[in-house]
Amino acid sequence: METITASSGNVFADLGFNPDEAANLQVRSKLLSELAAIIAESGMTQTEASTMLGIQQSRISDIKRGKIQRFSVDALIKLLAAVGRRVDVQVTAVAA
């Protein structure tokens, strides 16, 4: 019989990362996914995207491959700003 465990809402926490790291990974994942989708939808080549963003082509490849560990939250926010996106932050209390 299979056991199904409900998600906490953060896959990284579910995988056993400590709460601080899981929260950081979740934020970076969302930002990276959004950036990758924008690049894909634009139809730009990796070379065109790298020129527009002012980064090396290999970094575009990292974005497309979801290499989350290679990007900080700050770097991702700057890249999103370069493609005309604004990032809003929402802080909520955690249930005790």
PDB file of N, CA and C in Angstrom:
ATOM      1  N   MET A   1       0.838  -1.170   0.000  1.00  0.00           N
ATOM      2  CA  MET A   1       0.000   0.000   0.000  1.00  0.00           C
ATOM      3  C   MET A   1       0.890   1.243   0.000  1.00  0.00           C
ATOM      4  N   GLU A   2       0.569   2.217  -0.839  1.00  0.00           N
ATOM      5  CA  GLU A   2       1.330   3.460  -0.927  1.00  0.00           C
ATOM      6  C   GLU A   2       0.884   4.447   0.131  1.00  0.00           C
ATOM      7  N   THR A   3       1.831   5.185   0.642  1.00  0.00           N
ATOM      8  CA  THR A   3       1.543   6.230   1.603  1.00  0.00           C
ATOM      9  C   THR A   3       1.730   7.569   0.913  1.00  0.00           C
ATOM     10  N   ILE A   4       0.764   8.435   1.032  1.00  0.00           N
ATOM     11  CA  ILE A   4       0.841   9.766   0.452  1.00  0.00           C
ATOM     12  C   ILE A   4       0.941  10.762   1.593  1.00  0.00           C
ATOM     13  N   THR A   5       1.957  11.594   1.523  1.00  0.00           N
ATOM     14  CA  THR A   5       2.172  12.603   2.548  1.00  0.00           C
ATOM     15  C   THR A   5       1.847  13.962   1.955  1.00  0.00           C
ATOM     16  N   ALA A   6       1.035  14.726   2.643  1.00  0.00           N
ATOM     17  CA  ALA A   6       0.672  16.065   2.167  1.00  0.00           C
ATOM     18  C   ALA A   6       1.893  16.967   2.201  1.00  0.00           C
ATOM     19  N   SER A   7       1.999  17.842   1.205  1.00  0.00           N
ATOM     20  CA  SER A   7       3.108  18.783   1.132  1.00  0.00           C
ATOM     21  C   SER A   7       2.939  19.898   2.160  1.00  0.00           C
ATOM     22  N   SER A   8       4.053  20.407   2.598  1.00  0.00           N
ATOM     23  CA  SER A   8       4.042  21.555   3.509  1.00  0.00           C
ATOM     24  C   SER A   8       3.815  22.853   2.735  1.00  0.00           C
ATOM     25  N   GLY A   9       3.877  22.771   1.414  1.00  0.00           N
ATOM     26  CA  GLY A   9       3.786  23.964   0.583  1.00  0.00           C
ATOM     27  C   GLY A   9       5.152  24.413   0.097  1.00  0.00           C
ATOM     28  N   ASN A  10       6.197  23.793   0.611  1.00  0.00           N
ATOM     29  CA  ASN A  10       7.559  24.086   0.179  1.00  0.00           C
ATOM     30  C   ASN A  10       8.257  22.756  -0.061  1.00  0.00           C
ATOM     31  N   VAL A  11       8.471  22.439  -1.312  1.00  0.00           N
ATOM     32  CA  VAL A  11       9.069  21.156  -1.674  1.00  0.00           C
ATOM     33  C   VAL A  11      10.450  20.989  -1.058  1.00  0.00           C
ATOM     34  N   PHE A  12      11.184  22.083  -0.882  1.00  0.00           N
ATOM     35  CA  PHE A  12      12.520  21.992  -0.310  1.00  0.00           C
ATOM     36  C   PHE A  12      12.468  21.608   1.171  1.00  0.00           C
ATOM     37  N   ALA A  13      11.491  22.116   1.884  1.00  0.00           N
ATOM     38  CA  ALA A  13      11.292  21.707   3.273  1.00  0.00           C
ATOM     39  C   ALA A  13      10.897  20.236   3.321  1.00  0.00           C
ATOM     40  N   ASP A  14      10.042  19.846   2.391  1.00  0.00           N
ATOM     41  CA  ASP A  14       9.605  18.451   2.328  1.00  0.00           C
ATOM     42  C   ASP A  14      10.778  17.502   2.052  1.00  0.00           C
ATOM     43  N   LEU A  15      11.799  18.024   1.350  1.00  0.00           N
ATOM     44  CA  LEU A  15      12.974  17.212   1.044  1.00  0.00           C
ATOM     45  C   LEU A  15      13.986  17.187   2.180  1.00  0.00           C
ATOM     46  N   GLY A  16      13.719  17.946   3.250  1.00  0.00           N
ATOM     47  CA  GLY A  16      14.561  17.881   4.427  1.00  0.00           C
ATOM     48  C   GLY A  16      15.536  19.027   4.615  1.00  0.00           C
ATOM     49  N   PHE A  17      15.470  20.050   3.748  1.00  0.00           N
ATOM     50  CA  PHE A  17      16.325  21.213   3.963  1.00  0.00           C
ATOM     51  C   PHE A  17      15.880  21.936   5.226  1.00  0.00           C
ATOM     52  N   ASN A  18      16.827  22.588   5.916  1.00  0.00           N
ATOM     53  CA  ASN A  18      16.436  23.326   7.111  1.00  0.00           C
ATOM     54  C   ASN A  18      15.523  24.483   6.693  1.00  0.00           C
ATOM     55  N   PRO A  19      14.696  24.985   7.586  1.00  0.00           N
ATOM     56  CA  PRO A  19      13.682  25.989   7.215  1.00  0.00           C
ATOM     57  C   PRO A  19      14.233  27.235   6.523  1.00  0.00           C
ATOM     58  N   ASP A  20      15.379  27.748   6.985  1.00  0.00           N
ATOM     59  CA  ASP A  20      15.951  28.941   6.359  1.00  0.00           C
ATOM     60  C   ASP A  20      16.371  28.666   4.921  1.00  0.00           C
ATOM     61  N   GLU A  21      17.069  27.570   4.719  1.00  0.00           N
ATOM     62  CA  GLU A  21      17.535  27.223   3.383  1.00  0.00           C
ATOM     63  C   GLU A  21      16.358  26.874   2.474  1.00  0.00           C
ATOM     64  N   ALA A  22      15.371  26.187   2.998  1.00  0.00           N
ATOM     65  CA  ALA A  22      14.192  25.823   2.207  1.00  0.00           C
ATOM     66  C   ALA A  22      13.458  27.071   1.724  1.00  0.00           C
ATOM     67  N   ALA A  23      13.336  28.067   2.591  1.00  0.00           N
ATOM     68  CA  ALA A  23      12.667  29.317   2.199  1.00  0.00           C
ATOM     69  C   ALA A  23      13.455  30.026   1.115  1.00  0.00           C
ATOM     70  N   ASN A  24      14.775  30.083   1.260  1.00  0.00           N
ATOM     71  CA  ASN A  24      15.621  30.728   0.264  1.00  0.00           C
ATOM     72  C   ASN A  24      15.545  29.995  -1.074  1.00  0.00           C
ATOM     73  N   LEU A  25      15.606  28.688  -1.039  1.00  0.00           N
ATOM     74  CA  LEU A  25      15.523  27.891  -2.267  1.00  0.00           C
ATOM     75  C   LEU A  25      14.173  28.067  -2.953  1.00  0.00           C
ATOM     76  N   GLN A  26      13.114  28.161  -2.178  1.00  0.00           N
ATOM     77  CA  GLN A  26      11.787  28.343  -2.759  1.00  0.00           C
ATOM     78  C   GLN A  26      11.689  29.683  -3.493  1.00  0.00           C
ATOM     79  N   VAL A  27      12.214  30.736  -2.876  1.00  0.00           N
ATOM     80  CA  VAL A  27      12.197  32.056  -3.513  1.00  0.00           C
ATOM     81  C   VAL A  27      13.031  32.038  -4.787  1.00  0.00           C
ATOM     82  N   ARG A  28      14.240  31.496  -4.703  1.00  0.00           N
ATOM     83  CA  ARG A  28      15.102  31.444  -5.891  1.00  0.00           C
ATOM     84  C   ARG A  28      14.471  30.607  -6.992  1.00  0.00           C
ATOM     85  N   SER A  29      13.817  29.523  -6.617  1.00  0.00           N
ATOM     86  CA  SER A  29      13.157  28.666  -7.603  1.00  0.00           C
ATOM     87  C   SER A  29      12.064  29.419  -8.362  1.00  0.00           C
ATOM     88  N   LYS A  30      11.260  30.163  -7.634  1.00  0.00           N
ATOM     89  CA  LYS A  30      10.181  30.930  -8.272  1.00  0.00           C
ATOM     90  C   LYS A  30      10.745  31.991  -9.205  1.00  0.00           C
ATOM     91  N   LEU A  31      11.775  32.704  -8.757  1.00  0.00           N
ATOM     92  CA  LEU A  31      12.377  33.748  -9.584  1.00  0.00           C
ATOM     93  C   LEU A  31      13.046  33.152 -10.822  1.00  0.00           C
ATOM     94  N   LEU A  32      13.775  32.064 -10.637  1.00  0.00           N
ATOM     95  CA  LEU A  32      14.465  31.421 -11.760  1.00  0.00           C
ATOM     96  C   LEU A  32      13.470  30.870 -12.775  1.00  0.00           C
ATOM     97  N   SER A  33      12.395  30.266 -12.299  1.00  0.00           N
ATOM     98  CA  SER A  33      11.371  29.726 -13.198  1.00  0.00           C
ATOM     99  C   SER A  33      10.726  30.831 -14.028  1.00  0.00           C
ATOM    100  N   GLU A  34      10.452  31.951 -13.381  1.00  0.00           N
ATOM    101  CA  GLU A  34       9.852  33.084 -14.089  1.00  0.00           C
ATOM    102  C   GLU A  34      10.803  33.609 -15.150  1.00  0.00           C
ATOM    103  N   LEU A  35      12.060  33.761 -14.805  1.00  0.00           N
ATOM    104  CA  LEU A  35      13.051  34.258 -15.760  1.00  0.00           C
ATOM    105  C   LEU A  35      13.206  33.295 -16.929  1.00  0.00           C
ATOM    106  N   ALA A  36      13.266  32.017 -16.664  1.00  0.00           N
ATOM    107  CA  ALA A  36      13.390  31.016 -17.725  1.00  0.00           C
ATOM    108  C   ALA A  36      12.180  31.067 -18.660  1.00  0.00           C
ATOM    109  N   ALA A  37      10.990  31.228 -18.104  1.00  0.00           N
ATOM    110  CA  ALA A  37       9.775  31.309 -18.925  1.00  0.00           C
ATOM    111  C   ALA A  37       9.793  32.550 -19.811  1.00  0.00           C
ATOM    112  N   ILE A  38      10.244  33.671 -19.277  1.00  0.00           N
ATOM    113  CA  ILE A  38      10.306  34.910 -20.054  1.00  0.00           C
ATOM    114  C   ILE A  38      11.271  34.746 -21.227  1.00  0.00           C
ATOM    115  N   ILE A  39      12.418  34.147 -20.961  1.00  0.00           N
ATOM    116  CA  ILE A  39      13.402  33.934 -22.036  1.00  0.00           C
ATOM    117  C   ILE A  39      12.830  32.992 -23.087  1.00  0.00           C
ATOM    118  N   ALA A  40      12.204  31.907 -22.658  1.00  0.00           N
ATOM    119  CA  ALA A  40      11.638  30.938 -23.598  1.00  0.00           C
ATOM    120  C   ALA A  40      10.537  31.569 -24.450  1.00  0.00           C
ATOM    121  N   GLU A  41       9.661  32.340 -23.812  1.00  0.00           N
ATOM    122  CA  GLU A  41       8.542  32.961 -24.531  1.00  0.00           C
ATOM    123  C   GLU A  41       9.005  34.045 -25.502  1.00  0.00           C
ATOM    124  N   SER A  42      10.163  34.635 -25.242  1.00  0.00           N
ATOM    125  CA  SER A  42      10.661  35.710 -26.098  1.00  0.00           C
ATOM    126  C   SER A  42      11.126  35.195 -27.455  1.00  0.00           C
ATOM    127  N   GLY A  43      11.495  33.923 -27.506  1.00  0.00           N
ATOM    128  CA  GLY A  43      12.002  33.352 -28.750  1.00  0.00           C
ATOM    129  C   GLY A  43      13.453  33.721 -29.023  1.00  0.00           C
ATOM    130  N   MET A  44      14.088  34.405 -28.075  1.00  0.00           N
ATOM    131  CA  MET A  44      15.494  34.788 -28.253  1.00  0.00           C
ATOM    132  C   MET A  44      16.399  33.566 -28.182  1.00  0.00           C
ATOM    133  N   THR A  45      17.507  33.657 -28.888  1.00  0.00           N
ATOM    134  CA  THR A  45      18.539  32.639 -28.731  1.00  0.00           C
ATOM    135  C   THR A  45      19.250  32.903 -27.406  1.00  0.00           C
ATOM    136  N   GLN A  46      20.039  31.942 -26.978  1.00  0.00           N
ATOM    137  CA  GLN A  46      20.799  32.140 -25.746  1.00  0.00           C
ATOM    138  C   GLN A  46      21.783  33.296 -25.905  1.00  0.00           C
ATOM    139  N   THR A  47      22.358  33.442 -27.079  1.00  0.00           N
ATOM    140  CA  THR A  47      23.289  34.542 -27.329  1.00  0.00           C
ATOM    141  C   THR A  47      22.572  35.882 -27.258  1.00  0.00           C
ATOM    142  N   GLU A  48      21.378  35.975 -27.855  1.00  0.00           N
ATOM    143  CA  GLU A  48      20.604  37.223 -27.799  1.00  0.00           C
ATOM    144  C   GLU A  48      20.198  37.549 -26.361  1.00  0.00           C
ATOM    145  N   ALA A  49      19.772  36.539 -25.637  1.00  0.00           N
ATOM    146  CA  ALA A  49      19.362  36.755 -24.247  1.00  0.00           C
ATOM    147  C   ALA A  49      20.551  37.184 -23.396  1.00  0.00           C
ATOM    148  N   SER A  50      21.698  36.597 -23.618  1.00  0.00           N
ATOM    149  CA  SER A  50      22.875  36.959 -22.825  1.00  0.00           C
ATOM    150  C   SER A  50      23.292  38.402 -23.101  1.00  0.00           C
ATOM    151  N   THR A  51      23.177  38.829 -24.351  1.00  0.00           N
ATOM    152  CA  THR A  51      23.500  40.212 -24.694  1.00  0.00           C
ATOM    153  C   THR A  51      22.525  41.167 -24.016  1.00  0.00           C
ATOM    154  N   MET A  52      21.237  40.851 -24.068  1.00  0.00           N
ATOM    155  CA  MET A  52      20.222  41.707 -23.464  1.00  0.00           C
ATOM    156  C   MET A  52      20.413  41.811 -21.946  1.00  0.00           C
ATOM    157  N   LEU A  53      20.758  40.694 -21.310  1.00  0.00           N
ATOM    158  CA  LEU A  53      20.890  40.664 -19.858  1.00  0.00           C
ATOM    159  C   LEU A  53      22.287  41.057 -19.366  1.00  0.00           C
ATOM    160  N   GLY A  54      23.234  41.136 -20.290  1.00  0.00           N
ATOM    161  CA  GLY A  54      24.587  41.515 -19.899  1.00  0.00           C
ATOM    162  C   GLY A  54      25.324  40.437 -19.129  1.00  0.00           C
ATOM    163  N   ILE A  55      25.022  39.189 -19.447  1.00  0.00           N
ATOM    164  CA  ILE A  55      25.691  38.063 -18.792  1.00  0.00           C
ATOM    165  C   ILE A  55      26.212  37.114 -19.860  1.00  0.00           C
ATOM    166  N   GLN A  56      27.070  36.198 -19.461  1.00  0.00           N
ATOM    167  CA  GLN A  56      27.621  35.232 -20.401  1.00  0.00           C
ATOM    168  C   GLN A  56      26.548  34.242 -20.857  1.00  0.00           C
ATOM    169  N   GLN A  57      26.723  33.716 -22.053  1.00  0.00           N
ATOM    170  CA  GLN A  57      25.768  32.756 -22.605  1.00  0.00           C
ATOM    171  C   GLN A  57      25.640  31.534 -21.713  1.00  0.00           C
ATOM    172  N   SER A  58      26.719  31.129 -21.072  1.00  0.00           N
ATOM    173  CA  SER A  58      26.665  29.952 -20.203  1.00  0.00           C
ATOM    174  C   SER A  58      25.704  30.172 -19.032  1.00  0.00           C
ATOM    175  N   ARG A  59      25.537  31.438 -18.599  1.00  0.00           N
ATOM    176  CA  ARG A  59      24.592  31.747 -17.525  1.00  0.00           C
ATOM    177  C   ARG A  59      23.152  31.568 -18.008  1.00  0.00           C
ATOM    178  N   ILE A  60      22.899  31.858 -19.289  1.00  0.00           N
ATOM    179  CA  ILE A  60      21.557  31.620 -19.855  1.00  0.00           C
ATOM    180  C   ILE A  60      21.278  30.126 -19.847  1.00  0.00           C
ATOM    181  N   SER A  61      22.272  29.349 -20.202  1.00  0.00           N
ATOM    182  CA  SER A  61      22.127  27.896 -20.158  1.00  0.00           C
ATOM    183  C   SER A  61      21.815  27.437 -18.732  1.00  0.00           C
ATOM    184  N   ASP A  62      22.489  28.030 -17.736  1.00  0.00           N
ATOM    185  CA  ASP A  62      22.211  27.692 -16.334  1.00  0.00           C
ATOM    186  C   ASP A  62      20.765  28.015 -15.972  1.00  0.00           C
ATOM    187  N   ILE A  63      20.264  29.139 -16.463  1.00  0.00           N
ATOM    188  CA  ILE A  63      18.870  29.532 -16.209  1.00  0.00           C
ATOM    189  C   ILE A  63      17.929  28.510 -16.822  1.00  0.00           C
ATOM    190  N   LYS A  64      18.158  28.178 -18.086  1.00  0.00           N
ATOM    191  CA  LYS A  64      17.271  27.242 -18.792  1.00  0.00           C
ATOM    192  C   LYS A  64      17.298  25.850 -18.172  1.00  0.00           C
ATOM    193  N   ARG A  65      18.409  25.477 -17.584  1.00  0.00           N
ATOM    194  CA  ARG A  65      18.544  24.151 -16.971  1.00  0.00           C
ATOM    195  C   ARG A  65      18.147  24.129 -15.498  1.00  0.00           C
ATOM    196  N   GLY A  66      17.727  25.292 -14.974  1.00  0.00           N
ATOM    197  CA  GLY A  66      17.265  25.352 -13.592  1.00  0.00           C
ATOM    198  C   GLY A  66      18.361  25.194 -12.563  1.00  0.00           C
ATOM    199  N   LYS A  67      19.552  25.646 -12.873  1.00  0.00           N
ATOM    200  CA  LYS A  67      20.690  25.523 -11.952  1.00  0.00           C
ATOM    201  C   LYS A  67      20.572  26.567 -10.848  1.00  0.00           C
ATOM    202  N   ILE A  68      19.658  26.327  -9.953  1.00  0.00           N
ATOM    203  CA  ILE A  68      19.292  27.266  -8.892  1.00  0.00           C
ATOM    204  C   ILE A  68      20.479  27.654  -8.012  1.00  0.00           C
ATOM    205  N   GLN A  69      21.400  26.729  -7.782  1.00  0.00           N
ATOM    206  CA  GLN A  69      22.525  26.987  -6.894  1.00  0.00           C
ATOM    207  C   GLN A  69      23.485  28.032  -7.443  1.00  0.00           C
ATOM    208  N   ARG A  70      23.366  28.373  -8.711  1.00  0.00           N
ATOM    209  CA  ARG A  70      24.290  29.327  -9.330  1.00  0.00           C
ATOM    210  C   ARG A  70      23.800  30.773  -9.295  1.00  0.00           C
ATOM    211  N   PHE A  71      22.635  31.000  -8.677  1.00  0.00           N
ATOM    212  CA  PHE A  71      22.055  32.340  -8.661  1.00  0.00           C
ATOM    213  C   PHE A  71      21.590  32.723  -7.268  1.00  0.00           C
ATOM    214  N   SER A  72      21.907  33.937  -6.871  1.00  0.00           N
ATOM    215  CA  SER A  72      21.396  34.473  -5.614  1.00  0.00           C
ATOM    216  C   SER A  72      20.047  35.143  -5.881  1.00  0.00           C
ATOM    217  N   VAL A  73      19.308  35.404  -4.829  1.00  0.00           N
ATOM    218  CA  VAL A  73      18.039  36.127  -4.966  1.00  0.00           C
ATOM    219  C   VAL A  73      18.310  37.488  -5.600  1.00  0.00           C
ATOM    220  N   ASP A  74      19.351  38.166  -5.125  1.00  0.00           N
ATOM    221  CA  ASP A  74      19.697  39.489  -5.636  1.00  0.00           C
ATOM    222  C   ASP A  74      19.981  39.447  -7.140  1.00  0.00           C
ATOM    223  N   ALA A  75      20.778  38.487  -7.578  1.00  0.00           N
ATOM    224  CA  ALA A  75      21.110  38.371  -9.004  1.00  0.00           C
ATOM    225  C   ALA A  75      19.854  38.124  -9.840  1.00  0.00           C
ATOM    226  N   LEU A  76      18.970  37.279  -9.349  1.00  0.00           N
ATOM    227  CA  LEU A  76      17.743  36.974 -10.097  1.00  0.00           C
ATOM    228  C   LEU A  76      16.823  38.188 -10.188  1.00  0.00           C
ATOM    229  N   ILE A  77      16.735  38.965  -9.116  1.00  0.00           N
ATOM    230  CA  ILE A  77      15.913  40.181  -9.149  1.00  0.00           C
ATOM    231  C   ILE A  77      16.472  41.163 -10.176  1.00  0.00           C
ATOM    232  N   LYS A  78      17.798  41.307 -10.225  1.00  0.00           N
ATOM    233  CA  LYS A  78      18.421  42.201 -11.198  1.00  0.00           C
ATOM    234  C   LYS A  78      18.153  41.734 -12.627  1.00  0.00           C
ATOM    235  N   LEU A  79      18.235  40.445 -12.863  1.00  0.00           N
ATOM    236  CA  LEU A  79      17.980  39.915 -14.204  1.00  0.00           C
ATOM    237  C   LEU A  79      16.514  40.111 -14.595  1.00  0.00           C
ATOM    238  N   LEU A  80      15.611  39.908 -13.657  1.00  0.00           N
ATOM    239  CA  LEU A  80      14.192  40.130 -13.941  1.00  0.00           C
ATOM    240  C   LEU A  80      13.924  41.606 -14.244  1.00  0.00           C
ATOM    241  N   ALA A  81      14.588  42.498 -13.534  1.00  0.00           N
ATOM    242  CA  ALA A  81      14.448  43.930 -13.811  1.00  0.00           C
ATOM    243  C   ALA A  81      14.941  44.248 -15.216  1.00  0.00           C
ATOM    244  N   ALA A  82      15.991  43.561 -15.652  1.00  0.00           N
ATOM    245  CA  ALA A  82      16.542  43.788 -16.987  1.00  0.00           C
ATOM    246  C   ALA A  82      15.575  43.377 -18.097  1.00  0.00           C
ATOM    247  N   VAL A  83      14.634  42.492 -17.783  1.00  0.00           N
ATOM    248  CA  VAL A  83      13.623  42.095 -18.774  1.00  0.00           C
ATOM    249  C   VAL A  83      12.280  42.767 -18.487  1.00  0.00           C
ATOM    250  N   GLY A  84      12.325  43.831 -17.701  1.00  0.00           N
ATOM    251  CA  GLY A  84      11.128  44.643 -17.483  1.00  0.00           C
ATOM    252  C   GLY A  84      10.144  44.104 -16.464  1.00  0.00           C
ATOM    253  N   ARG A  85      10.645  43.342 -15.511  1.00  0.00           N
ATOM    254  CA  ARG A  85       9.761  42.809 -14.473  1.00  0.00           C
ATOM    255  C   ARG A  85      10.105  43.425 -13.130  1.00  0.00           C
ATOM    256  N   ARG A  86       9.106  43.610 -12.304  1.00  0.00           N
ATOM    257  CA  ARG A  86       9.278  44.089 -10.942  1.00  0.00           C
ATOM    258  C   ARG A  86       8.957  42.928  -9.997  1.00  0.00           C
ATOM    259  N   VAL A  87       9.753  42.772  -8.987  1.00  0.00           N
ATOM    260  CA  VAL A  87       9.539  41.717  -8.006  1.00  0.00           C
ATOM    261  C   VAL A  87       8.964  42.351  -6.750  1.00  0.00           C
ATOM    262  N   ASP A  88       7.822  41.866  -6.313  1.00  0.00           N
ATOM    263  CA  ASP A  88       7.205  42.318  -5.068  1.00  0.00           C
ATOM    264  C   ASP A  88       7.439  41.259  -4.008  1.00  0.00           C
ATOM    265  N   VAL A  89       7.674  41.726  -2.787  1.00  0.00           N
ATOM    266  CA  VAL A  89       7.933  40.806  -1.680  1.00  0.00           C
ATOM    267  C   VAL A  89       6.774  40.890  -0.690  1.00  0.00           C
ATOM    268  N   GLN A  90       6.360  39.735  -0.223  1.00  0.00           N
ATOM    269  CA  GLN A  90       5.294  39.681   0.770  1.00  0.00           C
ATOM    270  C   GLN A  90       5.818  38.884   1.963  1.00  0.00           C
ATOM    271  N   VAL A  91       5.666  39.438   3.137  1.00  0.00           N
ATOM    272  CA  VAL A  91       6.115  38.772   4.357  1.00  0.00           C
ATOM    273  C   VAL A  91       4.885  38.439   5.184  1.00  0.00           C
ATOM    274  N   THR A  92       4.809  37.176   5.625  1.00  0.00           N
ATOM    275  CA  THR A  92       3.671  36.761   6.434  1.00  0.00           C
ATOM    276  C   THR A  92       4.173  36.048   7.691  1.00  0.00           C
ATOM    277  N   ALA A  93       3.381  36.079   8.723  1.00  0.00           N
ATOM    278  CA  ALA A  93       3.725  35.405   9.966  1.00  0.00           C
ATOM    279  C   ALA A  93       3.537  33.906   9.787  1.00  0.00           C
ATOM    280  N   VAL A  94       4.397  33.161  10.432  1.00  0.00           N
ATOM    281  CA  VAL A  94       4.309  31.700  10.403  1.00  0.00           C
ATOM    282  C   VAL A  94       3.454  31.266  11.583  1.00  0.00           C
ATOM    283  N   ALA A  95       2.545  30.333  11.335  1.00  0.00           N
ATOM    284  CA  ALA A  95       1.704  29.826  12.418  1.00  0.00           C
ATOM    285  C   ALA A  95       2.560  29.161  13.476  1.00  0.00           C
ATOM    286  N   ALA A  96       2.259  29.457  14.706  1.00  0.00           N
ATOM    287  CA  ALA A  96       3.060  28.888  15.818  1.00  0.00           C
ATOM    288  C   ALA A  96       2.734  27.443  16.050  1.00  0.00           C
TER     289      ALA A  96
END
